[in-house]
Amino acid sequence: MDLKTLKTFQLIVKYGSFIRAAQEMNYVQSTVTMQIKKLESELGVLLIERGKEIGLTEAGRLFYEQSLQIVKSMENLQSSLSDLTSGETGHIRIGVTEPTASYRLPGILEKFMSAYPNIRISIEISNTPALTERILKGEIDFSLCTAPSISSEFYFEPLFQEEFVVLMPENHPLSQKDVLEPDDFRGHRLLITSSTCPYRRKLELVMQEKGNVTLDTMEIGSMTALKFYVEKGIGIALVPKITVEPDKGTLVKMISGSLVHMTFGILCKESAYPFQLASQKLYQYIKRELVTHSEG
């Protein structure tokens, strides 16, 4: 049996007429008659009592009641599949690093989810190495992060440069300098969020080029907490500019050039790009918003 046959049967019951059902389905009457005979043959029972007036057998009444839910479920399934194919529905799993997770993504998703209310989004917030592993395992669809290590397994599309500044106590020895050079960090404690943080590694590479390979660092497990440790004079912190607003007791200093800026973009498996369905809609939306934001 198929969906059209079930609809035909329900129309015969509704109108009490093979002719009216045929007209509704845009069939000739012989087609309707053949459909019902085939349906009764498949089920092995008589559904309709033929005569001057059409009536349902006991089996026909049972089948009619059950078929209503079957047709409704099949129509809902067809509609859901159609929405999925068009990218109007779906479940997208994305990873994202800070500060984009807190400072950029919420506003972007607010507008996207208003435009596509039937698309469900799950968000994992972590660092680039962890998100890279999650992508390889198929646990997230794509990630918003810094550039990973070079690998043929990944596709990475740069979107903007994350600009970093230095947050320091008001009375710090470097407070009189308007713009800092990477070499200025030598001999001063640098507060970092993780031993694997990408901007620490980039700073180390820059200082190695200048012949200064040692950094005095202290790990603080939360980017949000960094400013409180700076306020107490424990050290200085290299932080994304978007996260910083000068508070009492701290100063914000620019860094010369773009040596410690980090490239930020969209990362996925090479085999997953270009994206399909709902993921493509979200990808295009995020890309447009992040690029526009960075240019503005």
C-alpha atoms as a PDB file:
ATOM      1  CA  MET A   1       0.000   0.000   0.000  1.00  0.00           C
ATOM      2  CA  ASP A   2       1.143   3.555  -0.585  1.00  0.00           C
ATOM      3  CA  LEU A   3       0.186   7.027   0.630  1.00  0.00           C
ATOM      4  CA  LYS A   4      -1.933   7.843  -2.444  1.00  0.00           C
ATOM      5  CA  THR A   5      -3.983   4.664  -2.002  1.00  0.00           C
ATOM      6  CA  LEU A   6      -4.640   5.482   1.655  1.00  0.00           C
ATOM      7  CA  LYS A   7      -5.750   9.004   0.716  1.00  0.00           C
ATOM      8  CA  THR A   8      -8.031   7.588  -1.972  1.00  0.00           C
ATOM      9  CA  PHE A   9      -9.602   5.204   0.551  1.00  0.00           C
ATOM     10  CA  GLN A  10     -10.177   8.043   3.020  1.00  0.00           C
ATOM     11  CA  LEU A  11     -11.839  10.183   0.329  1.00  0.00           C
ATOM     12  CA  ILE A  12     -14.200   7.328  -0.576  1.00  0.00           C
ATOM     13  CA  VAL A  13     -15.208   7.174   3.086  1.00  0.00           C
ATOM     14  CA  LYS A  14     -15.512  10.961   3.295  1.00  0.00           C
ATOM     15  CA  TYR A  15     -17.756  11.343   0.214  1.00  0.00           C
ATOM     16  CA  GLY A  16     -19.347   7.900   0.160  1.00  0.00           C
ATOM     17  CA  SER A  17     -18.510   7.771  -3.547  1.00  0.00           C
ATOM     18  CA  PHE A  18     -15.846   6.279  -5.781  1.00  0.00           C
ATOM     19  CA  ILE A  19     -16.624   8.949  -8.390  1.00  0.00           C
ATOM     20  CA  ARG A  20     -16.116  11.894  -6.003  1.00  0.00           C
ATOM     21  CA  ALA A  21     -12.875  10.352  -4.715  1.00  0.00           C
ATOM     22  CA  ALA A  22     -11.633   9.926  -8.291  1.00  0.00           C
ATOM     23  CA  GLN A  23     -12.434  13.564  -9.070  1.00  0.00           C
ATOM     24  CA  GLU A  24     -10.645  14.756  -5.918  1.00  0.00           C
ATOM     25  CA  MET A  25      -7.533  12.732  -6.751  1.00  0.00           C
ATOM     26  CA  ASN A  26      -7.735  13.623 -10.449  1.00  0.00           C
ATOM     27  CA  TYR A  27      -8.067   9.948 -11.395  1.00  0.00           C
ATOM     28  CA  VAL A  28     -10.448   8.080 -13.661  1.00  0.00           C
ATOM     29  CA  GLN A  29     -12.918   5.974 -11.689  1.00  0.00           C
ATOM     30  CA  SER A  30     -11.400   2.708 -12.889  1.00  0.00           C
ATOM     31  CA  THR A  31      -8.086   3.680 -11.263  1.00  0.00           C
ATOM     32  CA  VAL A  32      -9.790   4.215  -7.917  1.00  0.00           C
ATOM     33  CA  THR A  33     -11.620   0.910  -8.188  1.00  0.00           C
ATOM     34  CA  MET A  34      -8.364  -0.884  -9.024  1.00  0.00           C
ATOM     35  CA  GLN A  35      -6.549   0.768  -6.108  1.00  0.00           C
ATOM     36  CA  ILE A  36      -9.132  -0.382  -3.578  1.00  0.00           C
ATOM     37  CA  LYS A  37      -9.251  -3.935  -4.964  1.00  0.00           C
ATOM     38  CA  LYS A  38      -5.469  -4.138  -4.762  1.00  0.00           C
ATOM     39  CA  LEU A  39      -5.508  -2.766  -1.201  1.00  0.00           C
ATOM     40  CA  GLU A  40      -8.129  -5.309  -0.105  1.00  0.00           C
ATOM     41  CA  SER A  41      -6.112  -8.070  -1.771  1.00  0.00           C
ATOM     42  CA  GLU A  42      -2.927  -7.039   0.067  1.00  0.00           C
ATOM     43  CA  LEU A  43      -4.741  -6.911   3.403  1.00  0.00           C
ATOM     44  CA  GLY A  44      -6.745 -10.064   2.778  1.00  0.00           C
ATOM     45  CA  VAL A  45     -10.004  -8.493   3.958  1.00  0.00           C
ATOM     46  CA  LEU A  46     -12.966  -6.681   2.445  1.00  0.00           C
ATOM     47  CA  LEU A  47     -12.947  -3.004   3.407  1.00  0.00           C
ATOM     48  CA  ILE A  48     -15.910  -1.569   1.520  1.00  0.00           C
ATOM     49  CA  GLU A  49     -19.381  -2.983   1.030  1.00  0.00           C
ATOM     50  CA  ARG A  50     -20.510  -2.164  -2.509  1.00  0.00           C
ATOM     51  CA  GLY A  51     -24.149  -1.505  -3.320  1.00  0.00           C
ATOM     52  CA  LYS A  52     -26.496   1.389  -3.901  1.00  0.00           C
ATOM     53  CA  GLU A  53     -24.762   2.985  -0.974  1.00  0.00           C
ATOM     54  CA  ILE A  54     -21.154   2.472   0.001  1.00  0.00           C
ATOM     55  CA  GLY A  55     -20.456   1.329   3.543  1.00  0.00           C
ATOM     56  CA  LEU A  56     -17.508   0.092   5.534  1.00  0.00           C
ATOM     57  CA  THR A  57     -17.088  -3.424   6.822  1.00  0.00           C
ATOM     58  CA  GLU A  58     -15.922  -3.898  10.394  1.00  0.00           C
ATOM     59  CA  ALA A  59     -12.392  -4.338   9.053  1.00  0.00           C
ATOM     60  CA  GLY A  60     -12.904  -1.231   6.922  1.00  0.00           C
ATOM     61  CA  ARG A  61     -13.869   0.864   9.952  1.00  0.00           C
ATOM     62  CA  LEU A  62     -10.807  -0.334  11.872  1.00  0.00           C
ATOM     63  CA  PHE A  63      -8.543   0.277   8.905  1.00  0.00           C
ATOM     64  CA  TYR A  64     -10.021   3.761   8.340  1.00  0.00           C
ATOM     65  CA  GLU A  65      -9.424   4.824  11.948  1.00  0.00           C
ATOM     66  CA  GLN A  66      -5.825   3.568  11.880  1.00  0.00           C
ATOM     67  CA  SER A  67      -5.122   4.996   8.427  1.00  0.00           C
ATOM     68  CA  LEU A  68      -5.913   8.556   9.551  1.00  0.00           C
ATOM     69  CA  GLN A  69      -2.887   8.595  11.854  1.00  0.00           C
ATOM     70  CA  ILE A  70      -0.728   6.787   9.301  1.00  0.00           C
ATOM     71  CA  VAL A  71      -1.452   9.382   6.593  1.00  0.00           C
ATOM     72  CA  LYS A  72      -0.911  12.253   9.022  1.00  0.00           C
ATOM     73  CA  SER A  73       2.433  10.794  10.151  1.00  0.00           C
ATOM     74  CA  MET A  74       3.578  10.178   6.573  1.00  0.00           C
ATOM     75  CA  GLU A  75       2.643  13.716   5.523  1.00  0.00           C
ATOM     76  CA  ASN A  76       4.517  15.140   8.508  1.00  0.00           C
ATOM     77  CA  LEU A  77       7.517  12.992   7.609  1.00  0.00           C
ATOM     78  CA  GLN A  78       7.438  14.195   4.004  1.00  0.00           C
ATOM     79  CA  SER A  79       7.228  17.792   5.190  1.00  0.00           C
ATOM     80  CA  SER A  80      10.135  17.290   7.612  1.00  0.00           C
ATOM     81  CA  LEU A  81      12.272  15.670   4.926  1.00  0.00           C
ATOM     82  CA  SER A  82      11.460  18.508   2.546  1.00  0.00           C
ATOM     83  CA  ASP A  83      12.479  21.094   5.170  1.00  0.00           C
ATOM     84  CA  LEU A  84      15.664  19.149   5.882  1.00  0.00           C
ATOM     85  CA  THR A  85      16.556  18.986   2.196  1.00  0.00           C
ATOM     86  CA  SER A  86      16.004  22.722   1.817  1.00  0.00           C
ATOM     87  CA  GLY A  87      18.070  23.464   4.925  1.00  0.00           C
ATOM     88  CA  GLU A  88      15.121  24.816   6.914  1.00  0.00           C
ATOM     89  CA  THR A  89      15.539  22.241   9.683  1.00  0.00           C
ATOM     90  CA  GLY A  90      18.380  20.217  11.135  1.00  0.00           C
ATOM     91  CA  HIS A  91      20.758  19.898  14.066  1.00  0.00           C
ATOM     92  CA  ILE A  92      24.145  21.618  13.760  1.00  0.00           C
ATOM     93  CA  ARG A  93      26.959  20.968  16.223  1.00  0.00           C
ATOM     94  CA  ILE A  94      29.625  23.655  16.301  1.00  0.00           C
ATOM     95  CA  GLY A  95      32.741  24.288  18.341  1.00  0.00           C
ATOM     96  CA  VAL A  96      34.047  27.744  19.195  1.00  0.00           C
ATOM     97  CA  THR A  97      36.957  29.263  21.077  1.00  0.00           C
ATOM     98  CA  GLU A  98      36.972  32.314  23.301  1.00  0.00           C
ATOM     99  CA  PRO A  99      36.534  35.246  22.988  1.00  0.00           C
ATOM    100  CA  THR A 100      34.246  34.641  19.989  1.00  0.00           C
ATOM    101  CA  ALA A 101      32.116  32.229  22.041  1.00  0.00           C
ATOM    102  CA  SER A 102      31.162  34.989  24.490  1.00  0.00           C
ATOM    103  CA  TYR A 103      31.632  38.257  22.621  1.00  0.00           C
ATOM    104  CA  ARG A 104      30.628  37.574  19.001  1.00  0.00           C
ATOM    105  CA  LEU A 105      28.613  34.392  18.589  1.00  0.00           C
ATOM    106  CA  PRO A 106      25.595  35.113  20.863  1.00  0.00           C
ATOM    107  CA  GLY A 107      24.498  38.131  18.798  1.00  0.00           C
ATOM    108  CA  ILE A 108      25.031  36.272  15.535  1.00  0.00           C
ATOM    109  CA  LEU A 109      23.027  33.244  16.662  1.00  0.00           C
ATOM    110  CA  GLU A 110      20.221  35.408  18.015  1.00  0.00           C
ATOM    111  CA  LYS A 111      19.586  36.793  14.521  1.00  0.00           C
ATOM    112  CA  PHE A 112      20.158  33.458  12.758  1.00  0.00           C
ATOM    113  CA  MET A 113      17.783  31.517  15.009  1.00  0.00           C
ATOM    114  CA  SER A 114      15.100  34.166  14.543  1.00  0.00           C
ATOM    115  CA  ALA A 115      15.376  33.643  10.785  1.00  0.00           C
ATOM    116  CA  TYR A 116      15.560  29.824  11.049  1.00  0.00           C
ATOM    117  CA  PRO A 117      13.622  28.812  14.181  1.00  0.00           C
ATOM    118  CA  ASN A 118      13.516  25.116  13.233  1.00  0.00           C
ATOM    119  CA  ILE A 119      17.286  24.684  13.068  1.00  0.00           C
ATOM    120  CA  ARG A 120      18.717  23.377  16.346  1.00  0.00           C
ATOM    121  CA  ILE A 121      22.268  24.364  17.318  1.00  0.00           C
ATOM    122  CA  SER A 122      24.585  22.820  19.915  1.00  0.00           C
ATOM    123  CA  ILE A 123      27.718  24.701  20.981  1.00  0.00           C
ATOM    124  CA  GLU A 124      30.939  23.320  22.447  1.00  0.00           C
ATOM    125  CA  ILE A 125      33.381  25.892  23.879  1.00  0.00           C
ATOM    126  CA  SER A 126      36.999  24.786  24.071  1.00  0.00           C
ATOM    127  CA  ASN A 127      40.484  25.425  22.687  1.00  0.00           C
ATOM    128  CA  THR A 128      41.587  24.787  19.104  1.00  0.00           C
ATOM    129  CA  PRO A 129      43.433  21.466  19.742  1.00  0.00           C
ATOM    130  CA  ALA A 130      40.421  19.984  21.565  1.00  0.00           C
ATOM    131  CA  LEU A 131      37.971  21.160  18.903  1.00  0.00           C
ATOM    132  CA  THR A 132      40.222  19.762  16.193  1.00  0.00           C
ATOM    133  CA  GLU A 133      39.988  16.324  17.806  1.00  0.00           C
ATOM    134  CA  ARG A 134      36.205  16.603  18.103  1.00  0.00           C
ATOM    135  CA  ILE A 135      35.971  17.378  14.374  1.00  0.00           C
ATOM    136  CA  LEU A 136      38.077  14.338  13.470  1.00  0.00           C
ATOM    137  CA  LYS A 137      35.841  12.110  15.622  1.00  0.00           C
ATOM    138  CA  GLY A 138      32.718  13.498  13.943  1.00  0.00           C
ATOM    139  CA  GLU A 139      31.402  14.913  17.217  1.00  0.00           C
ATOM    140  CA  ILE A 140      31.032  18.459  15.861  1.00  0.00           C
ATOM    141  CA  ASP A 141      30.318  19.645  12.314  1.00  0.00           C
ATOM    142  CA  PHE A 142      32.658  22.610  12.177  1.00  0.00           C
ATOM    143  CA  SER A 143      34.547  24.933  14.472  1.00  0.00           C
ATOM    144  CA  LEU A 144      35.212  28.652  14.853  1.00  0.00           C
ATOM    145  CA  CYS A 145      38.800  28.830  16.035  1.00  0.00           C
ATOM    146  CA  THR A 146      42.393  29.762  15.312  1.00  0.00           C
ATOM    147  CA  ALA A 147      44.305  28.035  12.525  1.00  0.00           C
ATOM    148  CA  PRO A 148      45.235  24.430  13.400  1.00  0.00           C
ATOM    149  CA  SER A 149      48.468  22.633  12.609  1.00  0.00           C
ATOM    150  CA  ILE A 150      48.834  22.001   8.886  1.00  0.00           C
ATOM    151  CA  SER A 151      46.976  18.837   7.874  1.00  0.00           C
ATOM    152  CA  SER A 152      45.442  17.533   4.666  1.00  0.00           C
ATOM    153  CA  GLU A 153      42.478  16.305   6.714  1.00  0.00           C
ATOM    154  CA  PHE A 154      41.202  19.822   7.378  1.00  0.00           C
ATOM    155  CA  TYR A 155      39.774  22.751   5.509  1.00  0.00           C
ATOM    156  CA  PHE A 156      40.419  26.110   7.210  1.00  0.00           C
ATOM    157  CA  GLU A 157      38.970  29.375   5.925  1.00  0.00           C
ATOM    158  CA  PRO A 158      40.508  32.514   7.503  1.00  0.00           C
ATOM    159  CA  LEU A 159      37.971  35.206   8.396  1.00  0.00           C
ATOM    160  CA  PHE A 160      39.817  37.872  10.393  1.00  0.00           C
ATOM    161  CA  GLN A 161      42.799  38.642  12.595  1.00  0.00           C
ATOM    162  CA  GLU A 162      42.155  38.531  16.346  1.00  0.00           C
ATOM    163  CA  GLU A 163      43.861  41.655  17.668  1.00  0.00           C
ATOM    164  CA  PHE A 164      45.638  41.392  21.017  1.00  0.00           C
ATOM    165  CA  VAL A 165      46.530  44.088  23.537  1.00  0.00           C
ATOM    166  CA  VAL A 166      48.404  44.111  26.838  1.00  0.00           C
ATOM    167  CA  LEU A 167      46.532  44.539  30.114  1.00  0.00           C
ATOM    168  CA  MET A 168      48.743  45.733  32.972  1.00  0.00           C
ATOM    169  CA  PRO A 169      48.580  47.336  36.435  1.00  0.00           C
ATOM    170  CA  GLU A 170      48.649  51.141  36.494  1.00  0.00           C
ATOM    171  CA  ASN A 171      51.971  51.156  38.353  1.00  0.00           C
ATOM    172  CA  HIS A 172      53.717  48.577  36.170  1.00  0.00           C
ATOM    173  CA  PRO A 173      57.248  49.436  34.908  1.00  0.00           C
ATOM    174  CA  LEU A 174      55.971  49.317  31.314  1.00  0.00           C
ATOM    175  CA  SER A 175      53.057  51.668  31.998  1.00  0.00           C
ATOM    176  CA  GLN A 176      54.928  54.693  30.611  1.00  0.00           C
ATOM    177  CA  LYS A 177      55.258  53.161  27.168  1.00  0.00           C
ATOM    178  CA  ASP A 178      52.448  53.951  24.721  1.00  0.00           C
ATOM    179  CA  VAL A 179      53.147  50.989  22.433  1.00  0.00           C
ATOM    180  CA  LEU A 180      54.906  47.791  23.447  1.00  0.00           C
ATOM    181  CA  GLU A 181      57.319  45.672  21.442  1.00  0.00           C
ATOM    182  CA  PRO A 182      57.410  41.873  21.860  1.00  0.00           C
ATOM    183  CA  ASP A 183      60.894  42.256  23.351  1.00  0.00           C
ATOM    184  CA  ASP A 184      59.398  44.341  26.191  1.00  0.00           C
ATOM    185  CA  PHE A 185      57.886  41.210  27.714  1.00  0.00           C
ATOM    186  CA  ARG A 186      61.324  39.926  28.687  1.00  0.00           C
ATOM    187  CA  GLY A 187      61.716  39.961  32.460  1.00  0.00           C
ATOM    188  CA  HIS A 188      58.022  40.540  33.212  1.00  0.00           C
ATOM    189  CA  ARG A 189      55.563  37.882  34.345  1.00  0.00           C
ATOM    190  CA  LEU A 190      52.980  37.074  31.662  1.00  0.00           C
ATOM    191  CA  LEU A 191      49.631  35.676  32.801  1.00  0.00           C
ATOM    192  CA  ILE A 192      48.207  33.105  30.373  1.00  0.00           C
ATOM    193  CA  THR A 193      45.092  30.945  30.303  1.00  0.00           C
ATOM    194  CA  SER A 194      46.833  27.695  29.312  1.00  0.00           C
ATOM    195  CA  SER A 195      50.271  26.267  28.610  1.00  0.00           C
ATOM    196  CA  THR A 196      48.942  25.369  25.151  1.00  0.00           C
ATOM    197  CA  CYS A 197      47.353  28.746  24.388  1.00  0.00           C
ATOM    198  CA  PRO A 198      48.149  29.685  20.770  1.00  0.00           C
ATOM    199  CA  TYR A 199      49.077  33.318  21.423  1.00  0.00           C
ATOM    200  CA  ARG A 200      51.679  32.242  24.002  1.00  0.00           C
ATOM    201  CA  ARG A 201      53.242  29.978  21.374  1.00  0.00           C
ATOM    202  CA  LYS A 202      53.250  32.752  18.794  1.00  0.00           C
ATOM    203  CA  LEU A 203      54.844  35.168  21.245  1.00  0.00           C
ATOM    204  CA  GLU A 204      57.525  32.589  22.001  1.00  0.00           C
ATOM    205  CA  LEU A 205      58.265  32.246  18.283  1.00  0.00           C
ATOM    206  CA  VAL A 206      58.547  36.014  17.911  1.00  0.00           C
ATOM    207  CA  MET A 207      60.936  36.246  20.871  1.00  0.00           C
ATOM    208  CA  GLN A 208      63.015  33.318  19.593  1.00  0.00           C
ATOM    209  CA  GLU A 209      63.584  35.284  16.420  1.00  0.00           C
ATOM    210  CA  LYS A 210      64.962  38.103  18.582  1.00  0.00           C
ATOM    211  CA  GLY A 211      67.181  35.777  20.562  1.00  0.00           C
ATOM    212  CA  ASN A 212      65.097  35.854  23.760  1.00  0.00           C
ATOM    213  CA  VAL A 213      63.637  32.406  24.297  1.00  0.00           C
ATOM    214  CA  THR A 214      62.543  32.529  27.939  1.00  0.00           C
ATOM    215  CA  LEU A 215      59.151  33.732  29.098  1.00  0.00           C
ATOM    216  CA  ASP A 216      58.152  34.078  32.746  1.00  0.00           C
ATOM    217  CA  THR A 217      54.565  32.799  32.668  1.00  0.00           C
ATOM    218  CA  MET A 218      51.854  31.960  35.154  1.00  0.00           C
ATOM    219  CA  GLU A 219      48.774  29.989  34.185  1.00  0.00           C
ATOM    220  CA  ILE A 220      45.341  31.347  35.112  1.00  0.00           C
ATOM    221  CA  GLY A 221      42.635  28.927  34.043  1.00  0.00           C
ATOM    222  CA  SER A 222      40.034  31.528  33.078  1.00  0.00           C
ATOM    223  CA  MET A 223      40.252  34.399  30.597  1.00  0.00           C
ATOM    224  CA  THR A 224      37.568  36.191  32.602  1.00  0.00           C
ATOM    225  CA  ALA A 225      39.698  35.982  35.762  1.00  0.00           C
ATOM    226  CA  LEU A 226      42.862  37.388  34.171  1.00  0.00           C
ATOM    227  CA  LYS A 227      41.993  41.038  34.771  1.00  0.00           C
ATOM    228  CA  PHE A 228      41.555  40.468  38.511  1.00  0.00           C
ATOM    229  CA  TYR A 229      45.076  39.035  38.783  1.00  0.00           C
ATOM    230  CA  VAL A 230      46.407  41.959  36.757  1.00  0.00           C
ATOM    231  CA  GLU A 231      44.652  44.395  39.114  1.00  0.00           C
ATOM    232  CA  LYS A 232      46.532  42.843  42.035  1.00  0.00           C
ATOM    233  CA  GLY A 233      49.861  43.384  40.295  1.00  0.00           C
ATOM    234  CA  ILE A 234      50.650  39.700  39.856  1.00  0.00           C
ATOM    235  CA  GLY A 235      51.567  40.172  36.197  1.00  0.00           C
ATOM    236  CA  ILE A 236      50.514  41.449  32.788  1.00  0.00           C
ATOM    237  CA  ALA A 237      48.236  39.669  30.353  1.00  0.00           C
ATOM    238  CA  LEU A 238      48.094  39.441  26.592  1.00  0.00           C
ATOM    239  CA  VAL A 239      44.360  39.402  25.809  1.00  0.00           C
ATOM    240  CA  PRO A 240      42.046  39.831  22.821  1.00  0.00           C
ATOM    241  CA  LYS A 241      41.194  43.501  22.381  1.00  0.00           C
ATOM    242  CA  ILE A 242      37.463  42.745  22.145  1.00  0.00           C
ATOM    243  CA  THR A 243      37.441  41.489  25.754  1.00  0.00           C
ATOM    244  CA  VAL A 244      39.055  44.517  27.380  1.00  0.00           C
ATOM    245  CA  GLU A 245      37.569  47.639  28.868  1.00  0.00           C
ATOM    246  CA  PRO A 246      39.962  49.668  31.060  1.00  0.00           C
ATOM    247  CA  ASP A 247      39.002  49.281  34.718  1.00  0.00           C
ATOM    248  CA  LYS A 248      40.204  51.026  37.813  1.00  0.00           C
ATOM    249  CA  GLY A 249      43.756  49.943  38.529  1.00  0.00           C
ATOM    250  CA  THR A 250      44.581  48.643  35.018  1.00  0.00           C
ATOM    251  CA  LEU A 251      45.861  50.020  31.726  1.00  0.00           C
ATOM    252  CA  VAL A 252      45.524  48.776  28.161  1.00  0.00           C
ATOM    253  CA  LYS A 253      48.549  49.039  25.858  1.00  0.00           C
ATOM    254  CA  MET A 254      48.806  48.344  22.155  1.00  0.00           C
ATOM    255  CA  ILE A 255      51.438  46.031  20.674  1.00  0.00           C
ATOM    256  CA  SER A 256      53.439  47.193  17.670  1.00  0.00           C
ATOM    257  CA  GLY A 257      52.662  45.575  14.323  1.00  0.00           C
ATOM    258  CA  SER A 258      50.639  42.396  14.070  1.00  0.00           C
ATOM    259  CA  LEU A 259      53.232  39.857  15.145  1.00  0.00           C
ATOM    260  CA  VAL A 260      51.074  38.347  17.875  1.00  0.00           C
ATOM    261  CA  HIS A 261      47.717  38.660  16.177  1.00  0.00           C
ATOM    262  CA  MET A 262      45.977  35.328  15.610  1.00  0.00           C
ATOM    263  CA  THR A 263      44.220  34.228  12.444  1.00  0.00           C
ATOM    264  CA  PHE A 264      40.628  33.212  13.219  1.00  0.00           C
ATOM    265  CA  GLY A 265      38.335  31.290  10.904  1.00  0.00           C
ATOM    266  CA  ILE A 266      36.119  28.298  10.193  1.00  0.00           C
ATOM    267  CA  LEU A 267      37.545  24.778  10.464  1.00  0.00           C
ATOM    268  CA  CYS A 268      36.058  21.488   9.266  1.00  0.00           C
ATOM    269  CA  LYS A 269      37.068  18.197   7.703  1.00  0.00           C
ATOM    270  CA  GLU A 270      38.284  18.554   4.143  1.00  0.00           C
ATOM    271  CA  SER A 271      35.695  15.951   3.114  1.00  0.00           C
ATOM    272  CA  ALA A 272      32.866  17.968   4.721  1.00  0.00           C
ATOM    273  CA  TYR A 273      33.448  21.118   2.676  1.00  0.00           C
ATOM    274  CA  PRO A 274      31.421  22.568   1.045  1.00  0.00           C
ATOM    275  CA  PHE A 275      28.761  22.196   3.715  1.00  0.00           C
ATOM    276  CA  GLN A 276      25.321  20.809   3.017  1.00  0.00           C
ATOM    277  CA  LEU A 277      21.783  21.753   4.015  1.00  0.00           C
ATOM    278  CA  ALA A 278      21.356  23.704   7.269  1.00  0.00           C
ATOM    279  CA  SER A 279      25.100  23.766   7.999  1.00  0.00           C
ATOM    280  CA  GLN A 280      25.662  25.699   4.790  1.00  0.00           C
ATOM    281  CA  LYS A 281      23.118  28.339   5.834  1.00  0.00           C
ATOM    282  CA  LEU A 282      24.755  28.774   9.249  1.00  0.00           C
ATOM    283  CA  TYR A 283      28.253  28.797   7.755  1.00  0.00           C
ATOM    284  CA  GLN A 284      27.362  31.529   5.258  1.00  0.00           C
ATOM    285  CA  TYR A 285      25.609  33.572   7.956  1.00  0.00           C
ATOM    286  CA  ILE A 286      28.483  33.346  10.452  1.00  0.00           C
ATOM    287  CA  LYS A 287      31.048  34.072   7.755  1.00  0.00           C
ATOM    288  CA  ARG A 288      29.212  37.187   6.602  1.00  0.00           C
ATOM    289  CA  GLU A 289      28.691  38.493  10.138  1.00  0.00           C
ATOM    290  CA  LEU A 290      32.245  37.882  11.346  1.00  0.00           C
ATOM    291  CA  VAL A 291      33.870  39.386   8.257  1.00  0.00           C
ATOM    292  CA  THR A 292      31.559  42.418   8.397  1.00  0.00           C
ATOM    293  CA  HIS A 293      32.292  42.862  12.107  1.00  0.00           C
ATOM    294  CA  SER A 294      36.063  42.701  11.610  1.00  0.00           C
ATOM    295  CA  GLU A 295      35.945  45.175   8.717  1.00  0.00           C
ATOM    296  CA  GLY A 296      33.752  47.559  10.705  1.00  0.00           C
END
